[in-house]
Every structure is written in structure tokens, then in C-alpha cells.
Amino acid sequence: MNKTDTDLNNSPVVPDGQDSRNTDITVMSYPRRVVMPDLIRSFLGIVLCAGIAATPDIIELLRWIAAALILLFVVYLLRTLFRLRSRMHVSDYGVRQSGVFSSSAFGWSELSGFRLRYFSTRRDGKKGWFEMTLHAAGTKLVAESSLQGFGRLLELARDAASDNQIMIDDVTRTNLLRLDEADNLVRAQGGRGGAMGEGQ
């Protein structure tokens, strides 16, 4: 998980009566190197299924299946494009997500829901990604662990969930423990001068 924050040094003035927490705003985005493979797979899927659907004398059932798969790949392509253009503006006071067609924002004191899910790409569960879902004031915000700065966003959301006394489910609790164990292992490896590769 990449925890590198992209700090744009945007420091708004602390409002009167507020505490002196860090007001620096970190703008987070999904790196192109992560999103581009999904775009390529979506495009190839659309082309392949369109070729099958356009094949002469193909049975009608296969033509309908190919058409349905084209629709799924188009949805996946649009979702990937939206994720590429999405930005998270994160500070100690709250978070704002800006996208192509919409934006949402809330303060950490408004956080009312916090979930963390893990999706594995292998049977042994050693490779995959985390997805964090936040709810506040009728707003839902979803962030994946490929987001640059995900570590800071997760830390702030976790602290806010604790401050707001939000009940978290067993799956979220297990995934938080998994992340804590991974962080401790990375620190231990760094202390011994070692390096961990992806998937280890």
C-alpha cells in the first residue's frame, strides 16, 4: 500500500474558535500506472466481445451473451475513467471528493459510518486491495488502497470513527488488525535494513 502523500502546501486559515490542528490539505489521486491496466482490459474486452457479437452465423444465445458482456465492460470502463479523474482533498478537519460530474464533502465530526473491505485477487488471499467506505450527512465516499495517500485518509477516518463512537463490524475490525500487522512487519523489516517486495 502506497502511503505517499501529495502535499500541495495549501494551508487555509484556521477559523476563529477552532483548535490548532494541522490545516494542510493533501490532494490524493489514483496513479495512472494503476488505472491504465484497467482501461486497457476494458477496451480489449469491448473489442473482443463486439467481434464475437458481429460474427456472421453465430448462434443467437452467444450474440446476447457478448452484448451483455459489452455492457459490463462499458460500465467498468466508465467507472475506471471516473476514478482516474477523481480527487480527494483531505485535511485534519474533513475530506472533499471531487469528480467528473459530482463532488461531496464532510467534516470528520460528521462521520457516521466506517467500513473497510478486502478483495483478494488470489485464492491464498495474499494479493488484493482494500476498499474503505465512509458515510456522513447523507454522503457516501469510497476509496481504494491504490489511492495515493490512502494510509493518511484511513488513519484520519479511523480516528474520527473512534472519536464519534461509531460501531464497526467484525469484517472491518479484522481488516484493521491485518493492516496493523502488515505495518508492524514493514517497520520490523526496515529496522533490520531489509526490504519487502510486493506480495511478501
C-alpha atoms as a PDB file:
ATOM      1  CA  MET A   1       0.000   0.000   0.000  1.00  0.00           C
ATOM      2  CA  ASN A   2       1.355   3.331  -1.055  1.00  0.00           C
ATOM      3  CA  LYS A   3       1.262   5.851   1.765  1.00  0.00           C
ATOM      4  CA  THR A   4       2.993   8.688  -0.051  1.00  0.00           C
ATOM      5  CA  ASP A   5       1.056  11.911   0.314  1.00  0.00           C
ATOM      6  CA  THR A   6       0.995  14.570  -2.382  1.00  0.00           C
ATOM      7  CA  ASP A   7       1.169  17.758  -0.331  1.00  0.00           C
ATOM      8  CA  LEU A   8       0.273  20.876  -2.324  1.00  0.00           C
ATOM      9  CA  ASN A   9       1.021  23.154   0.634  1.00  0.00           C
ATOM     10  CA  ASN A  10      -2.487  24.535   0.567  1.00  0.00           C
ATOM     11  CA  SER A  11      -2.927  25.840   4.117  1.00  0.00           C
ATOM     12  CA  PRO A  12      -6.242  27.547   4.825  1.00  0.00           C
ATOM     13  CA  VAL A  13      -6.557  29.851   7.815  1.00  0.00           C
ATOM     14  CA  VAL A  14      -7.889  28.192  10.969  1.00  0.00           C
ATOM     15  CA  PRO A  15     -11.341  29.670  11.716  1.00  0.00           C
ATOM     16  CA  ASP A  16     -11.836  31.638  14.945  1.00  0.00           C
ATOM     17  CA  GLY A  17     -12.648  29.395  17.871  1.00  0.00           C
ATOM     18  CA  GLN A  18     -11.176  26.314  16.196  1.00  0.00           C
ATOM     19  CA  ASP A  19      -8.276  24.303  17.591  1.00  0.00           C
ATOM     20  CA  SER A  20      -4.784  24.429  16.150  1.00  0.00           C
ATOM     21  CA  ARG A  21      -4.798  21.123  14.287  1.00  0.00           C
ATOM     22  CA  ASN A  22      -2.876  20.799  11.042  1.00  0.00           C
ATOM     23  CA  THR A  23      -4.847  22.573   8.299  1.00  0.00           C
ATOM     24  CA  ASP A  24      -2.667  21.473   5.388  1.00  0.00           C
ATOM     25  CA  ILE A  25      -4.775  19.987   2.604  1.00  0.00           C
ATOM     26  CA  THR A  26      -3.442  16.886   0.873  1.00  0.00           C
ATOM     27  CA  VAL A  27      -4.771  16.225  -2.624  1.00  0.00           C
ATOM     28  CA  MET A  28      -4.897  12.499  -3.320  1.00  0.00           C
ATOM     29  CA  SER A  29      -5.482  10.737  -6.632  1.00  0.00           C
ATOM     30  CA  TYR A  30      -5.207   7.333  -8.265  1.00  0.00           C
ATOM     31  CA  PRO A  31      -1.877   6.957 -10.133  1.00  0.00           C
ATOM     32  CA  ARG A  32      -2.075   6.378 -13.873  1.00  0.00           C
ATOM     33  CA  ARG A  33       0.146   3.306 -13.644  1.00  0.00           C
ATOM     34  CA  VAL A  34      -2.535   1.656 -11.516  1.00  0.00           C
ATOM     35  CA  VAL A  35      -5.542   2.769 -13.558  1.00  0.00           C
ATOM     36  CA  MET A  36      -4.165   2.253 -17.085  1.00  0.00           C
ATOM     37  CA  PRO A  37      -4.188  -1.589 -16.971  1.00  0.00           C
ATOM     38  CA  ASP A  38      -7.901  -1.457 -16.084  1.00  0.00           C
ATOM     39  CA  LEU A  39      -8.555   0.887 -19.001  1.00  0.00           C
ATOM     40  CA  ILE A  40      -6.695  -1.423 -21.380  1.00  0.00           C
ATOM     41  CA  ARG A  41      -8.551  -4.507 -20.133  1.00  0.00           C
ATOM     42  CA  SER A  42     -11.895  -2.715 -20.512  1.00  0.00           C
ATOM     43  CA  PHE A  43     -11.103  -1.617 -24.055  1.00  0.00           C
ATOM     44  CA  LEU A  44      -9.866  -5.069 -25.104  1.00  0.00           C
ATOM     45  CA  GLY A  45     -12.941  -6.693 -23.572  1.00  0.00           C
ATOM     46  CA  ILE A  46     -15.256  -4.386 -25.510  1.00  0.00           C
ATOM     47  CA  VAL A  47     -13.409  -5.027 -28.786  1.00  0.00           C
ATOM     48  CA  LEU A  48     -13.325  -8.810 -28.280  1.00  0.00           C
ATOM     49  CA  CYS A  49     -17.000  -9.090 -27.362  1.00  0.00           C
ATOM     50  CA  ALA A  50     -18.002  -6.765 -30.207  1.00  0.00           C
ATOM     51  CA  GLY A  51     -16.097  -9.023 -32.589  1.00  0.00           C
ATOM     52  CA  ILE A  52     -17.947 -12.070 -31.289  1.00  0.00           C
ATOM     53  CA  ALA A  53     -21.328 -10.317 -31.497  1.00  0.00           C
ATOM     54  CA  ALA A  54     -20.626  -9.237 -35.091  1.00  0.00           C
ATOM     55  CA  THR A  55     -19.535 -12.698 -36.249  1.00  0.00           C
ATOM     56  CA  PRO A  56     -21.860 -13.959 -39.032  1.00  0.00           C
ATOM     57  CA  ASP A  57     -23.917 -17.105 -38.416  1.00  0.00           C
ATOM     58  CA  ILE A  58     -23.180 -17.101 -34.671  1.00  0.00           C
ATOM     59  CA  ILE A  59     -25.923 -18.600 -32.532  1.00  0.00           C
ATOM     60  CA  GLU A  60     -28.281 -16.050 -31.031  1.00  0.00           C
ATOM     61  CA  LEU A  61     -27.508 -17.021 -27.435  1.00  0.00           C
ATOM     62  CA  LEU A  62     -23.793 -16.242 -27.841  1.00  0.00           C
ATOM     63  CA  ARG A  63     -24.669 -12.941 -29.505  1.00  0.00           C
ATOM     64  CA  TRP A  64     -26.772 -11.901 -26.489  1.00  0.00           C
ATOM     65  CA  ILE A  65     -24.087 -13.022 -24.056  1.00  0.00           C
ATOM     66  CA  ALA A  66     -21.473 -10.989 -25.948  1.00  0.00           C
ATOM     67  CA  ALA A  67     -23.798  -7.951 -25.915  1.00  0.00           C
ATOM     68  CA  ALA A  68     -24.280  -8.277 -22.160  1.00  0.00           C
ATOM     69  CA  LEU A  69     -20.512  -8.513 -21.639  1.00  0.00           C
ATOM     70  CA  ILE A  70     -20.010  -5.399 -23.766  1.00  0.00           C
ATOM     71  CA  LEU A  71     -22.364  -3.519 -21.454  1.00  0.00           C
ATOM     72  CA  LEU A  72     -20.439  -4.738 -18.389  1.00  0.00           C
ATOM     73  CA  PHE A  73     -17.102  -3.699 -19.896  1.00  0.00           C
ATOM     74  CA  VAL A  74     -18.503  -0.260 -20.788  1.00  0.00           C
ATOM     75  CA  VAL A  75     -19.662   0.244 -17.194  1.00  0.00           C
ATOM     76  CA  TYR A  76     -16.258  -0.873 -15.926  1.00  0.00           C
ATOM     77  CA  LEU A  77     -14.536   1.487 -18.385  1.00  0.00           C
ATOM     78  CA  LEU A  78     -16.625   4.475 -17.238  1.00  0.00           C
ATOM     79  CA  ARG A  79     -16.019   3.613 -13.581  1.00  0.00           C
ATOM     80  CA  THR A  80     -12.273   3.470 -14.239  1.00  0.00           C
ATOM     81  CA  LEU A  81     -12.301   6.816 -16.069  1.00  0.00           C
ATOM     82  CA  PHE A  82     -14.205   8.450 -13.198  1.00  0.00           C
ATOM     83  CA  ARG A  83     -11.693   7.033 -10.733  1.00  0.00           C
ATOM     84  CA  LEU A  84      -8.823   8.433 -12.817  1.00  0.00           C
ATOM     85  CA  ARG A  85     -10.339  11.926 -12.689  1.00  0.00           C
ATOM     86  CA  SER A  86     -11.355  11.717  -9.032  1.00  0.00           C
ATOM     87  CA  ARG A  87      -9.501  13.746  -6.385  1.00  0.00           C
ATOM     88  CA  MET A  88      -9.604  13.566  -2.584  1.00  0.00           C
ATOM     89  CA  HIS A  89      -8.898  16.799  -0.680  1.00  0.00           C
ATOM     90  CA  VAL A  90      -8.028  15.678   2.835  1.00  0.00           C
ATOM     91  CA  SER A  91      -7.212  17.627   5.995  1.00  0.00           C
ATOM     92  CA  ASP A  92      -7.459  17.124   9.754  1.00  0.00           C
ATOM     93  CA  TYR A  93     -10.895  18.801   9.626  1.00  0.00           C
ATOM     94  CA  GLY A  94     -12.570  16.808   6.875  1.00  0.00           C
ATOM     95  CA  VAL A  95     -12.479  15.435   3.363  1.00  0.00           C
ATOM     96  CA  ARG A  96     -13.851  16.505  -0.001  1.00  0.00           C
ATOM     97  CA  GLN A  97     -14.095  14.300  -3.074  1.00  0.00           C
ATOM     98  CA  SER A  98     -14.288  15.938  -6.488  1.00  0.00           C
ATOM     99  CA  GLY A  99     -15.113  14.055  -9.661  1.00  0.00           C
ATOM    100  CA  VAL A 100     -16.302  14.490 -13.231  1.00  0.00           C
ATOM    101  CA  PHE A 101     -19.985  15.091 -12.504  1.00  0.00           C
ATOM    102  CA  SER A 102     -20.246  15.490  -8.745  1.00  0.00           C
ATOM    103  CA  SER A 103     -18.452  16.305  -5.525  1.00  0.00           C
ATOM    104  CA  SER A 104     -19.083  15.607  -1.859  1.00  0.00           C
ATOM    105  CA  ALA A 105     -17.607  16.898   1.385  1.00  0.00           C
ATOM    106  CA  PHE A 106     -17.987  16.467   5.128  1.00  0.00           C
ATOM    107  CA  GLY A 107     -16.156  17.192   8.362  1.00  0.00           C
ATOM    108  CA  TRP A 108     -14.735  14.348  10.411  1.00  0.00           C
ATOM    109  CA  SER A 109     -17.100  15.270  13.244  1.00  0.00           C
ATOM    110  CA  GLU A 110     -19.989  14.344  10.883  1.00  0.00           C
ATOM    111  CA  LEU A 111     -18.688  10.852  10.132  1.00  0.00           C
ATOM    112  CA  SER A 112     -21.392   8.300  10.921  1.00  0.00           C
ATOM    113  CA  GLY A 113     -20.281   5.148   9.090  1.00  0.00           C
ATOM    114  CA  PHE A 114     -16.917   3.444   8.541  1.00  0.00           C
ATOM    115  CA  ARG A 115     -16.280   0.170   6.699  1.00  0.00           C
ATOM    116  CA  LEU A 116     -13.116  -1.499   5.402  1.00  0.00           C
ATOM    117  CA  ARG A 117     -13.296  -4.436   2.990  1.00  0.00           C
ATOM    118  CA  TYR A 118     -10.566  -6.565   1.438  1.00  0.00           C
ATOM    119  CA  PHE A 119     -10.876  -8.054  -2.055  1.00  0.00           C
ATOM    120  CA  SER A 120      -8.397 -10.770  -2.936  1.00  0.00           C
ATOM    121  CA  THR A 121      -7.116 -11.487  -6.439  1.00  0.00           C
ATOM    122  CA  ARG A 122      -5.647 -14.842  -5.396  1.00  0.00           C
ATOM    123  CA  ARG A 123      -7.040 -17.856  -3.584  1.00  0.00           C
ATOM    124  CA  ASP A 124      -4.463 -17.606  -0.812  1.00  0.00           C
ATOM    125  CA  GLY A 125      -5.574 -14.020  -0.147  1.00  0.00           C
ATOM    126  CA  LYS A 126      -2.033 -12.656  -0.299  1.00  0.00           C
ATOM    127  CA  LYS A 127      -2.752 -10.204  -3.109  1.00  0.00           C
ATOM    128  CA  GLY A 128      -5.663  -7.840  -3.357  1.00  0.00           C
ATOM    129  CA  TRP A 129      -6.846  -4.397  -2.366  1.00  0.00           C
ATOM    130  CA  PHE A 130      -8.725  -2.644   0.423  1.00  0.00           C
ATOM    131  CA  GLU A 131     -11.856  -0.590  -0.087  1.00  0.00           C
ATOM    132  CA  MET A 132     -12.911   1.946   2.528  1.00  0.00           C
ATOM    133  CA  THR A 133     -16.474   3.292   2.625  1.00  0.00           C
ATOM    134  CA  LEU A 134     -17.341   6.378   4.666  1.00  0.00           C
ATOM    135  CA  HIS A 135     -20.816   7.731   5.416  1.00  0.00           C
ATOM    136  CA  ALA A 136     -21.599  11.215   6.715  1.00  0.00           C
ATOM    137  CA  ALA A 137     -24.549  13.588   6.470  1.00  0.00           C
ATOM    138  CA  GLY A 138     -26.216  11.600   3.678  1.00  0.00           C
ATOM    139  CA  THR A 139     -22.947  11.386   1.747  1.00  0.00           C
ATOM    140  CA  LYS A 140     -21.033   8.240   0.816  1.00  0.00           C
ATOM    141  CA  LEU A 141     -17.333   8.296  -0.050  1.00  0.00           C
ATOM    142  CA  VAL A 142     -15.451   5.252  -1.354  1.00  0.00           C
ATOM    143  CA  ALA A 143     -11.654   4.998  -1.598  1.00  0.00           C
ATOM    144  CA  GLU A 144      -9.436   2.097  -2.647  1.00  0.00           C
ATOM    145  CA  SER A 145      -5.989   1.333  -1.270  1.00  0.00           C
ATOM    146  CA  SER A 146      -4.385   2.182  -4.633  1.00  0.00           C
ATOM    147  CA  LEU A 147      -5.197   5.835  -3.867  1.00  0.00           C
ATOM    148  CA  GLN A 148      -2.012   7.818  -3.258  1.00  0.00           C
ATOM    149  CA  GLY A 149      -2.187   8.844   0.378  1.00  0.00           C
ATOM    150  CA  PHE A 150      -4.691   6.137   1.344  1.00  0.00           C
ATOM    151  CA  GLY A 151      -2.761   5.497   4.551  1.00  0.00           C
ATOM    152  CA  ARG A 152      -3.353   9.024   5.860  1.00  0.00           C
ATOM    153  CA  LEU A 153      -7.002   9.009   4.806  1.00  0.00           C
ATOM    154  CA  LEU A 154      -7.525   5.703   6.610  1.00  0.00           C
ATOM    155  CA  GLU A 155      -5.782   6.964   9.745  1.00  0.00           C
ATOM    156  CA  LEU A 156      -7.935  10.100   9.894  1.00  0.00           C
ATOM    157  CA  ALA A 157     -11.128   8.141   9.240  1.00  0.00           C
ATOM    158  CA  ARG A 158     -10.191   5.570  11.868  1.00  0.00           C
ATOM    159  CA  ASP A 159      -9.551   8.277  14.468  1.00  0.00           C
ATOM    160  CA  ALA A 160     -12.818  10.003  13.587  1.00  0.00           C
ATOM    161  CA  ALA A 161     -14.732   6.726  13.905  1.00  0.00           C
ATOM    162  CA  SER A 162     -13.246   6.301  17.374  1.00  0.00           C
ATOM    163  CA  ASP A 163     -13.954   9.913  18.399  1.00  0.00           C
ATOM    164  CA  ASN A 164     -17.545   9.670  17.128  1.00  0.00           C
ATOM    165  CA  GLN A 165     -18.018   6.292  18.863  1.00  0.00           C
ATOM    166  CA  ILE A 166     -19.032   4.564  15.632  1.00  0.00           C
ATOM    167  CA  MET A 167     -19.726   0.843  15.899  1.00  0.00           C
ATOM    168  CA  ILE A 168     -17.688  -1.090  13.327  1.00  0.00           C
ATOM    169  CA  ASP A 169     -18.451  -4.595  12.090  1.00  0.00           C
ATOM    170  CA  ASP A 170     -16.287  -7.670  12.566  1.00  0.00           C
ATOM    171  CA  VAL A 171     -15.006  -7.639   8.983  1.00  0.00           C
ATOM    172  CA  THR A 172     -13.770  -4.051   9.325  1.00  0.00           C
ATOM    173  CA  ARG A 173     -12.164  -4.842  12.681  1.00  0.00           C
ATOM    174  CA  THR A 174     -10.366  -7.881  11.197  1.00  0.00           C
ATOM    175  CA  ASN A 175      -9.078  -5.866   8.227  1.00  0.00           C
ATOM    176  CA  LEU A 176      -7.793  -3.100  10.511  1.00  0.00           C
ATOM    177  CA  LEU A 177      -5.886  -5.713  12.512  1.00  0.00           C
ATOM    178  CA  ARG A 178      -4.499  -7.118   9.249  1.00  0.00           C
ATOM    179  CA  LEU A 179      -3.247  -3.668   8.250  1.00  0.00           C
ATOM    180  CA  ASP A 180      -1.697  -3.104  11.673  1.00  0.00           C
ATOM    181  CA  GLU A 181       0.175  -6.414  11.405  1.00  0.00           C
ATOM    182  CA  ALA A 182       1.407  -5.510   7.912  1.00  0.00           C
ATOM    183  CA  ASP A 183       2.618  -2.090   9.117  1.00  0.00           C
ATOM    184  CA  ASN A 184       4.462  -3.668  12.054  1.00  0.00           C
ATOM    185  CA  LEU A 185       6.111  -6.169   9.724  1.00  0.00           C
ATOM    186  CA  VAL A 186       7.238  -3.416   7.351  1.00  0.00           C
ATOM    187  CA  ARG A 187       8.709  -1.417  10.251  1.00  0.00           C
ATOM    188  CA  ALA A 188      10.471  -4.517  11.548  1.00  0.00           C
ATOM    189  CA  GLN A 189      11.947  -5.234   8.120  1.00  0.00           C
ATOM    190  CA  GLY A 190      13.083  -1.614   7.812  1.00  0.00           C
ATOM    191  CA  GLY A 191      14.718  -1.757  11.241  1.00  0.00           C
ATOM    192  CA  ARG A 192      16.777  -4.747  10.139  1.00  0.00           C
ATOM    193  CA  GLY A 193      17.779  -2.973   6.950  1.00  0.00           C
ATOM    194  CA  GLY A 194      15.716  -5.353   4.835  1.00  0.00           C
ATOM    195  CA  ALA A 195      13.249  -4.635   2.097  1.00  0.00           C
ATOM    196  CA  MET A 196       9.910  -6.192   1.357  1.00  0.00           C
ATOM    197  CA  GLY A 197       8.776  -6.860  -2.168  1.00  0.00           C
ATOM    198  CA  GLU A 198       5.214  -6.893  -3.400  1.00  0.00           C
ATOM    199  CA  GLY A 199       3.259  -9.884  -2.233  1.00  0.00           C
ATOM    200  CA  GLN A 200       5.679 -10.907   0.519  1.00  0.00           C
END
